[in-house]
Amino acid sequence: MADKTFLTWPFFEERHRALAEDLEAWCASHLSAVDHSDTDAACRALVAGLGEAGFLRLSAVEPEGGAGLDVRSLCLIRETLARHDGLADFAFAMQGLGTGAISLFGTPEQKRRWLTQTRAGAAISAFALTEPEAGSDVAASTLSAVEDGDHFVLNGEKTWISNGGIADIYTLFARTGEGPGARGLSAFVVPAGLAGFEVVERLEVIAPHPLGRLRFTDCRIPKDALLGERGQGFKIAMSVLDVFRSTVAAAALGFARRALDEALTRVTTRQVQGAPLFDLQMVQGHIADMALDVDAAALLVYRAAWAKDSGAPRVTREAAMAKLFATDQAQQVIDRAVQLHGGDGVRKGQKVEELYRDIRALRIYEGASDVQRVVIARQALGMHQGG
């Protein structure tokens, strides 16, 4: 059974503990039989189920005003879902990330039109930022949005887009030309099915998720599709990632917790020379390292989430530290769990084998580990020079 003592930490309020309990019960009754054989269908079903249960209400702000995003809740949900089922975590995460720009910068009408649907699980969302020649370097994006009367005309491609091919709405970042680099990008909300908008390739990865390459050819969108102001696209993208990067770390934490649980079950039930595998001091050393990494990651994750919820305008440093440490160390925790399972650890169908495939992408998307190191170093230098 996963350790829940972290819920008593001062980062959390009673509503967070109630949320964790409710979600745990829902996961136990709904996620044990998720059919992963058809990834698209599974994601659609998971979004619908999470919406029906009310958990997607927390993925975006209330359309009619009220409380903003609660990052601690987002992190708790992602950690819990990831511990049970990686695809369930993905389904929830993309509802939040895909509409994050609408939550933070959308007009009242944009929020009413789109968030009402995504929070209910009636529409699937996507975040279209990456391009074939612009991954970590967002400022190098080239997909263009040219003003033409009452419309913008889109031309170009996006790739590695989660939910690409099944999403109903896409938050899209395109070059509108207000200036070079980051100063010339704007954000738009684009519904699927428009003329000139096509999914030209579906991408297969080691842990199956809906991923696609998008192409826009003279695709016309109305001017009211603009999110925020022209030229604010880079700021909007970074603001969204500032919120949701901590949740990636939380998902990694959920994977790591599950790996530790699986390892503990293995070493206490597997017999070696008439005694449990756990009796070997080397094995105890591995378990200790895994437990240490899990708790250290949890502290970084929920520090970042608490700081954002407490009113910090930016948590770039805290979120980068959480994502870097939690994802990298989850990889190590899971690797140790695989090792402790021996040959069973790499057998298809084993939970630790699934976790081994699930974790790898988290060290790449929403800012690769080396990019996080650059962010942390620059933040440290800025604090040093400013102080």
Protein backbone atom coordinates (compact mmCIF):
# COMPACT_ATOMS: atom_id res chain seq x y z
CA MET A 1 0.00 0.00 0.00
CA ALA A 2 1.34 3.41 -0.98
CA ASP A 3 2.56 5.70 1.78
CA LYS A 4 -0.08 8.39 2.48
CA THR A 5 1.62 10.11 5.42
CA PHE A 6 2.71 12.97 3.16
CA LEU A 7 -0.92 14.14 3.19
CA THR A 8 -0.36 15.33 6.78
CA TRP A 9 2.35 17.75 5.65
CA PRO A 10 1.56 21.46 6.12
CA PHE A 11 1.39 21.95 2.34
CA PHE A 12 -2.14 20.52 2.38
CA GLU A 13 -5.57 21.51 3.64
CA GLU A 14 -8.43 19.24 4.62
CA ARG A 15 -9.99 19.61 1.16
CA HIS A 16 -6.84 18.13 -0.40
CA ARG A 17 -6.96 15.13 1.90
CA ALA A 18 -10.64 14.62 1.06
CA LEU A 19 -9.84 14.87 -2.65
CA ALA A 20 -7.09 12.25 -2.33
CA GLU A 21 -9.44 9.89 -0.52
CA ASP A 22 -12.25 10.31 -3.04
CA LEU A 23 -9.95 9.85 -6.02
CA GLU A 24 -8.30 6.79 -4.47
CA ALA A 25 -11.70 5.15 -4.13
CA TRP A 26 -12.64 6.05 -7.71
CA CYS A 27 -9.37 4.66 -9.06
CA ALA A 28 -9.83 1.40 -7.18
CA SER A 29 -13.26 0.86 -8.72
CA HIS A 30 -12.66 2.23 -12.24
CA LEU A 31 -9.04 1.77 -13.31
CA SER A 32 -8.32 -1.88 -12.64
CA ALA A 33 -9.91 -2.93 -15.93
CA VAL A 34 -8.84 -0.16 -18.31
CA ASP A 35 -8.44 -1.68 -21.78
CA HIS A 36 -5.23 -0.32 -23.30
CA SER A 37 -5.56 -2.25 -26.55
CA ASP A 38 -7.17 0.75 -28.27
CA THR A 39 -5.38 3.84 -26.95
CA ASP A 40 -7.69 6.38 -28.55
CA ALA A 41 -10.82 4.69 -27.25
CA ALA A 42 -9.30 4.27 -23.80
CA CYS A 43 -8.44 7.98 -23.59
CA ARG A 44 -11.91 9.01 -24.68
CA ALA A 45 -13.45 6.71 -22.09
CA LEU A 46 -11.11 7.96 -19.35
CA VAL A 47 -11.87 11.61 -20.10
CA ALA A 48 -15.59 10.88 -20.04
CA GLY A 49 -15.26 8.94 -16.78
CA LEU A 50 -13.16 11.59 -15.06
CA GLY A 51 -15.63 14.21 -16.20
CA GLU A 52 -18.64 12.27 -14.97
CA ALA A 53 -16.97 11.76 -11.59
CA GLY A 54 -16.30 15.48 -11.29
CA PHE A 55 -12.50 15.38 -11.16
CA LEU A 56 -12.08 17.34 -14.38
CA ARG A 57 -13.66 20.34 -12.68
CA LEU A 58 -10.25 20.91 -11.15
CA SER A 59 -8.43 20.80 -14.51
CA ALA A 60 -9.52 24.33 -15.44
CA VAL A 61 -11.01 27.42 -13.85
CA GLU A 62 -14.75 27.84 -13.45
CA PRO A 63 -16.14 29.41 -16.64
CA GLU A 64 -18.29 31.86 -14.70
CA GLY A 65 -15.53 33.06 -12.38
CA GLY A 66 -14.60 31.85 -8.92
CA ALA A 67 -11.50 30.10 -7.74
CA GLY A 68 -8.47 29.78 -9.99
CA LEU A 69 -6.38 26.71 -10.63
CA ASP A 70 -5.29 24.88 -7.49
CA VAL A 71 -1.89 23.38 -8.30
CA ARG A 72 -1.79 21.18 -5.20
CA SER A 73 -5.03 19.53 -6.33
CA LEU A 74 -3.68 19.09 -9.85
CA CYS A 75 -0.54 17.45 -8.45
CA LEU A 76 -2.45 15.17 -6.08
CA ILE A 77 -4.71 14.03 -8.90
CA ARG A 78 -1.82 13.35 -11.26
CA GLU A 79 0.20 11.52 -8.62
CA THR A 80 -2.74 9.31 -7.67
CA LEU A 81 -3.79 8.54 -11.24
CA ALA A 82 -0.19 7.80 -12.31
CA ARG A 83 0.22 5.39 -9.43
CA HIS A 84 -2.79 3.45 -10.70
CA ASP A 85 -2.66 3.86 -14.49
CA GLY A 86 -0.38 5.96 -16.69
CA LEU A 87 -2.97 6.48 -19.40
CA ALA A 88 -5.48 7.80 -16.86
CA ASP A 89 -2.90 10.33 -15.73
CA PHE A 90 -2.30 11.34 -19.35
CA ALA A 91 -6.03 11.79 -20.00
CA PHE A 92 -6.44 14.09 -17.01
CA ALA A 93 -3.22 16.01 -17.59
CA MET A 94 -4.02 16.96 -21.16
CA GLN A 95 -7.43 18.34 -20.19
CA GLY A 96 -5.58 20.79 -17.94
CA LEU A 97 -2.59 21.56 -20.12
CA GLY A 98 -4.67 21.82 -23.27
CA THR A 99 -6.95 24.44 -21.72
CA GLY A 100 -4.40 26.10 -19.45
CA ALA A 101 -4.08 29.15 -21.69
CA ILE A 102 -7.87 29.53 -21.72
CA SER A 103 -7.97 29.29 -17.92
CA LEU A 104 -5.25 31.92 -17.52
CA PHE A 105 -5.84 34.27 -20.48
CA GLY A 106 -9.21 33.45 -22.04
CA THR A 107 -12.06 35.92 -22.32
CA PRO A 108 -15.28 35.19 -20.40
CA GLU A 109 -16.85 34.00 -23.65
CA GLN A 110 -13.90 31.71 -24.48
CA LYS A 111 -14.08 30.21 -21.01
CA ARG A 112 -17.82 29.62 -21.23
CA ARG A 113 -17.58 28.12 -24.71
CA TRP A 114 -14.68 25.75 -24.17
CA LEU A 115 -14.12 25.09 -20.45
CA THR A 116 -17.74 24.12 -19.87
CA GLN A 117 -17.14 21.23 -22.26
CA THR A 118 -13.65 20.14 -21.17
CA ARG A 119 -14.43 20.25 -17.44
CA ALA A 120 -17.39 17.94 -18.05
CA GLY A 121 -15.37 15.49 -20.15
CA ALA A 122 -17.51 16.31 -23.20
CA ALA A 123 -14.57 17.62 -25.24
CA ILE A 124 -10.91 16.61 -25.38
CA SER A 125 -8.19 19.27 -25.46
CA ALA A 126 -4.61 19.51 -26.74
CA PHE A 127 -1.62 21.85 -26.38
CA ALA A 128 0.03 22.45 -29.77
CA LEU A 129 3.42 24.05 -29.18
CA THR A 130 6.20 21.82 -30.57
CA GLU A 131 7.27 21.98 -34.22
CA PRO A 132 9.56 19.77 -36.31
CA GLU A 133 12.41 22.29 -35.95
CA ALA A 134 11.32 23.94 -32.69
CA GLY A 135 11.17 21.68 -29.65
CA SER A 136 12.78 23.13 -26.54
CA ASP A 137 13.44 26.37 -28.45
CA VAL A 138 9.88 27.66 -28.54
CA ALA A 139 10.99 31.05 -29.86
CA ALA A 140 12.06 29.34 -33.10
CA SER A 141 8.45 28.41 -33.99
CA THR A 142 7.58 29.13 -37.61
CA LEU A 143 3.91 28.16 -38.05
CA SER A 144 2.37 31.42 -39.24
CA ALA A 145 -0.89 33.19 -38.51
CA VAL A 146 -1.43 35.99 -41.03
CA GLU A 147 -4.23 38.49 -40.50
CA ASP A 148 -6.75 38.56 -43.33
CA GLY A 149 -9.83 40.68 -42.71
CA ASP A 150 -11.82 39.17 -39.85
CA HIS A 151 -9.64 36.04 -39.79
CA PHE A 152 -6.16 34.71 -39.29
CA VAL A 153 -4.81 32.25 -41.85
CA LEU A 154 -2.65 29.42 -40.50
CA ASN A 155 0.14 27.73 -42.43
CA GLY A 156 2.71 25.30 -41.07
CA GLU A 157 3.08 22.19 -38.91
CA LYS A 158 3.08 21.09 -35.30
CA THR A 159 4.37 17.72 -34.12
CA TRP A 160 4.52 15.49 -31.03
CA ILE A 161 1.13 16.89 -30.08
CA SER A 162 -0.52 14.89 -27.32
CA ASN A 163 -4.13 14.04 -28.16
CA GLY A 164 -3.31 14.92 -31.77
CA GLY A 165 -5.99 13.16 -33.76
CA ILE A 166 -8.59 12.79 -30.99
CA ALA A 167 -8.76 16.31 -29.55
CA ASP A 168 -11.78 18.52 -30.12
CA ILE A 169 -9.92 21.76 -29.39
CA TYR A 170 -6.27 22.76 -29.67
CA THR A 171 -4.42 25.61 -27.98
CA LEU A 172 -2.11 26.62 -30.81
CA PHE A 173 0.94 28.89 -30.85
CA ALA A 174 1.76 30.65 -34.12
CA ARG A 175 3.96 33.45 -35.41
CA THR A 176 2.07 36.68 -35.97
CA GLY A 177 5.18 38.79 -36.55
CA GLU A 178 5.13 41.51 -33.89
CA GLY A 179 8.86 41.02 -33.48
CA PRO A 180 11.64 38.46 -33.88
CA GLY A 181 11.86 35.30 -31.83
CA ALA A 182 9.68 35.09 -28.74
CA ARG A 183 8.17 38.54 -29.30
CA GLY A 184 6.38 37.49 -32.48
CA LEU A 185 4.24 34.61 -31.21
CA SER A 186 0.54 34.57 -30.38
CA ALA A 187 -1.83 31.97 -28.92
CA PHE A 188 -5.11 30.76 -30.41
CA VAL A 189 -7.85 28.28 -29.60
CA VAL A 190 -8.57 26.17 -32.68
CA PRO A 191 -11.36 23.59 -32.95
CA ALA A 192 -10.79 20.35 -34.83
CA GLY A 193 -12.42 19.78 -38.20
CA LEU A 194 -11.64 23.12 -39.86
CA ALA A 195 -10.87 23.21 -43.55
CA GLY A 196 -7.12 23.18 -44.07
CA PHE A 197 -6.44 21.51 -40.70
CA GLU A 198 -5.39 17.88 -40.92
CA VAL A 199 -3.66 15.27 -38.80
CA VAL A 200 -1.06 13.96 -41.25
CA GLU A 201 0.66 11.40 -39.02
CA ARG A 202 0.02 9.45 -35.85
CA LEU A 203 3.17 8.83 -33.80
CA GLU A 204 3.84 5.55 -32.00
CA VAL A 205 5.92 5.59 -28.80
CA ILE A 206 7.09 3.04 -26.22
CA ALA A 207 4.28 3.92 -23.81
CA PRO A 208 1.26 4.26 -26.12
CA HIS A 209 -0.48 7.65 -26.08
CA PRO A 210 -2.44 9.53 -28.73
CA LEU A 211 0.21 11.65 -30.49
CA GLY A 212 0.06 13.34 -33.85
CA ARG A 213 1.65 15.64 -36.40
CA LEU A 214 -0.64 18.46 -37.49
CA ARG A 215 -0.58 20.41 -40.73
CA PHE A 216 -2.32 23.72 -41.45
CA THR A 217 -2.77 24.80 -45.06
CA ASP A 218 -4.53 28.12 -45.53
CA CYS A 219 -6.63 27.28 -42.48
CA ARG A 220 -8.86 30.22 -41.56
CA ILE A 221 -9.77 30.96 -37.95
CA PRO A 222 -11.81 33.94 -36.72
CA LYS A 223 -10.10 36.76 -34.89
CA ASP A 224 -11.91 35.90 -31.68
CA ALA A 225 -9.84 32.68 -31.58
CA LEU A 226 -6.92 34.81 -30.32
CA LEU A 227 -6.02 34.13 -26.67
CA GLY A 228 -4.74 37.16 -24.82
CA GLU A 229 -3.07 39.79 -26.98
CA ARG A 230 -1.03 39.52 -30.15
CA GLY A 231 2.63 38.93 -29.42
CA GLN A 232 1.89 37.41 -25.99
CA GLY A 233 2.17 33.81 -27.15
CA PHE A 234 5.54 33.08 -25.59
CA LYS A 235 4.47 34.63 -22.29
CA ILE A 236 1.26 32.61 -22.37
CA ALA A 237 3.07 29.35 -23.11
CA MET A 238 5.58 29.92 -20.31
CA SER A 239 2.81 30.88 -17.86
CA VAL A 240 0.96 27.67 -18.64
CA LEU A 241 4.11 25.58 -18.22
CA ASP A 242 4.88 27.42 -14.98
CA VAL A 243 1.65 25.95 -13.60
CA PHE A 244 1.67 22.50 -15.16
CA ARG A 245 5.38 21.63 -15.01
CA SER A 246 5.00 20.78 -11.33
CA THR A 247 2.23 18.34 -12.24
CA VAL A 248 4.60 16.42 -14.52
CA ALA A 249 6.83 15.97 -11.50
CA ALA A 250 3.79 14.75 -9.55
CA ALA A 251 3.04 12.12 -12.19
CA ALA A 252 6.64 10.93 -11.99
CA LEU A 253 6.23 10.75 -8.22
CA GLY A 254 3.16 8.56 -8.67
CA PHE A 255 5.08 6.20 -10.94
CA ALA A 256 7.92 6.05 -8.40
CA ARG A 257 5.58 5.33 -5.50
CA ARG A 258 4.02 2.46 -7.44
CA ALA A 259 7.46 1.08 -8.30
CA LEU A 260 8.47 1.17 -4.63
CA ASP A 261 5.25 -0.65 -3.68
CA GLU A 262 5.83 -3.30 -6.33
CA ALA A 263 9.44 -3.72 -5.19
CA LEU A 264 8.45 -4.10 -1.54
CA THR A 265 5.90 -6.75 -2.44
CA ARG A 266 8.50 -8.59 -4.50
CA VAL A 267 11.31 -8.60 -1.94
CA THR A 268 9.06 -9.64 0.95
CA THR A 269 7.43 -12.53 -0.94
CA ARG A 270 10.34 -13.83 -3.05
CA GLN A 271 12.36 -16.50 -1.27
CA VAL A 272 16.11 -16.84 -1.72
CA GLN A 273 17.83 -19.71 0.09
CA GLY A 274 14.90 -20.11 2.45
CA ALA A 275 14.57 -16.45 3.42
CA PRO A 276 12.83 -13.41 1.95
CA LEU A 277 14.87 -11.44 -0.58
CA PHE A 278 14.46 -8.44 1.73
CA ASP A 279 16.79 -10.03 4.30
CA LEU A 280 19.78 -9.32 2.05
CA GLN A 281 21.43 -6.10 3.19
CA MET A 282 22.11 -5.03 -0.40
CA VAL A 283 18.40 -5.27 -1.14
CA GLN A 284 17.61 -3.22 1.94
CA GLY A 285 20.04 -0.61 0.64
CA HIS A 286 18.15 -0.43 -2.66
CA ILE A 287 14.81 -0.06 -0.87
CA ALA A 288 16.22 2.69 1.35
CA ASP A 289 17.50 4.63 -1.67
CA MET A 290 14.13 4.28 -3.40
CA ALA A 291 12.20 5.49 -0.34
CA LEU A 292 14.58 8.44 0.06
CA ASP A 293 14.15 9.48 -3.58
CA VAL A 294 10.37 9.27 -3.32
CA ASP A 295 10.16 11.47 -0.24
CA ALA A 296 12.69 14.00 -1.55
CA ALA A 297 10.75 14.27 -4.82
CA ALA A 298 7.46 14.70 -2.94
CA LEU A 299 8.90 17.59 -0.93
CA LEU A 300 10.03 19.38 -4.08
CA VAL A 301 6.76 18.74 -5.92
CA TYR A 302 4.49 20.01 -3.19
CA ARG A 303 6.76 22.92 -2.29
CA ALA A 304 6.41 24.16 -5.86
CA ALA A 305 2.65 23.59 -5.88
CA TRP A 306 2.17 25.26 -2.48
CA ALA A 307 4.27 28.26 -3.53
CA LYS A 308 2.12 28.79 -6.64
CA ASP A 309 -1.12 28.39 -4.70
CA SER A 310 0.17 30.82 -2.06
CA GLY A 311 0.37 33.61 -4.60
CA ALA A 312 3.88 33.45 -6.01
CA PRO A 313 3.68 35.18 -9.43
CA ARG A 314 6.20 32.73 -10.90
CA VAL A 315 7.60 29.44 -9.63
CA THR A 316 10.00 28.87 -12.52
CA ARG A 317 12.86 27.79 -10.25
CA GLU A 318 10.76 25.64 -7.92
CA ALA A 319 8.88 23.94 -10.77
CA ALA A 320 12.10 23.26 -12.69
CA MET A 321 13.72 21.71 -9.62
CA ALA A 322 10.66 19.55 -8.96
CA LYS A 323 10.41 18.34 -12.55
CA LEU A 324 14.12 17.64 -12.93
CA PHE A 325 14.53 15.77 -9.66
CA ALA A 326 11.23 13.90 -9.62
CA THR A 327 11.47 12.63 -13.20
CA ASP A 328 15.15 11.72 -13.09
CA GLN A 329 14.87 9.98 -9.73
CA ALA A 330 11.67 8.19 -10.69
CA GLN A 331 13.63 6.69 -13.57
CA GLN A 332 16.18 5.41 -11.04
CA VAL A 333 13.54 4.11 -8.63
CA ILE A 334 11.77 2.22 -11.39
CA ASP A 335 15.03 0.84 -12.72
CA ARG A 336 15.83 -0.55 -9.25
CA ALA A 337 12.35 -2.08 -9.07
CA VAL A 338 12.92 -3.80 -12.40
CA GLN A 339 16.27 -5.10 -11.16
CA LEU A 340 14.74 -6.47 -7.96
CA HIS A 341 12.16 -8.35 -10.04
CA GLY A 342 14.88 -10.12 -12.01
CA GLY A 343 13.70 -11.63 -15.28
CA ASP A 344 10.08 -10.87 -14.41
CA GLY A 345 10.95 -7.17 -14.42
CA VAL A 346 11.30 -7.07 -18.20
CA ARG A 347 8.44 -9.43 -18.99
CA LYS A 348 5.56 -7.87 -20.93
CA GLY A 349 2.54 -7.44 -18.72
CA GLN A 350 4.43 -6.86 -15.50
CA LYS A 351 3.63 -3.55 -13.79
CA VAL A 352 7.28 -2.58 -13.38
CA GLU A 353 7.88 -3.17 -17.09
CA GLU A 354 4.96 -0.87 -17.86
CA LEU A 355 6.33 1.76 -15.46
CA TYR A 356 9.74 1.50 -17.12
CA ARG A 357 8.17 2.54 -20.42
CA ASP A 358 5.85 5.11 -18.86
CA ILE A 359 8.50 7.16 -17.09
CA ARG A 360 10.92 7.84 -19.91
CA ALA A 361 8.93 10.47 -21.78
CA LEU A 362 8.47 12.59 -18.64
CA ARG A 363 12.16 13.48 -18.73
CA ILE A 364 11.63 15.00 -22.19
CA TYR A 365 8.25 16.70 -22.51
CA GLU A 366 7.39 20.11 -21.02
CA GLY A 367 11.07 20.89 -20.78
CA ALA A 368 13.74 18.19 -21.04
CA SER A 369 15.95 17.49 -18.03
CA ASP A 370 18.93 19.36 -19.46
CA VAL A 371 16.71 22.36 -20.20
CA GLN A 372 15.61 22.35 -16.56
CA ARG A 373 19.25 22.44 -15.51
CA VAL A 374 19.78 25.54 -17.62
CA VAL A 375 16.67 27.15 -16.08
CA ILE A 376 17.82 26.36 -12.55
CA ALA A 377 21.35 27.62 -13.18
CA ARG A 378 20.10 30.90 -14.64
CA GLN A 379 17.69 31.37 -11.76
CA ALA A 380 20.49 30.71 -9.26
CA LEU A 381 22.73 33.25 -11.00
CA GLY A 382 19.96 35.82 -11.07
CA MET A 383 19.30 35.38 -7.36
CA HIS A 384 23.02 35.66 -6.63
CA GLN A 385 23.44 38.84 -8.64
CA GLY A 386 20.24 40.33 -7.32
CA GLY A 387 21.17 39.66 -3.73
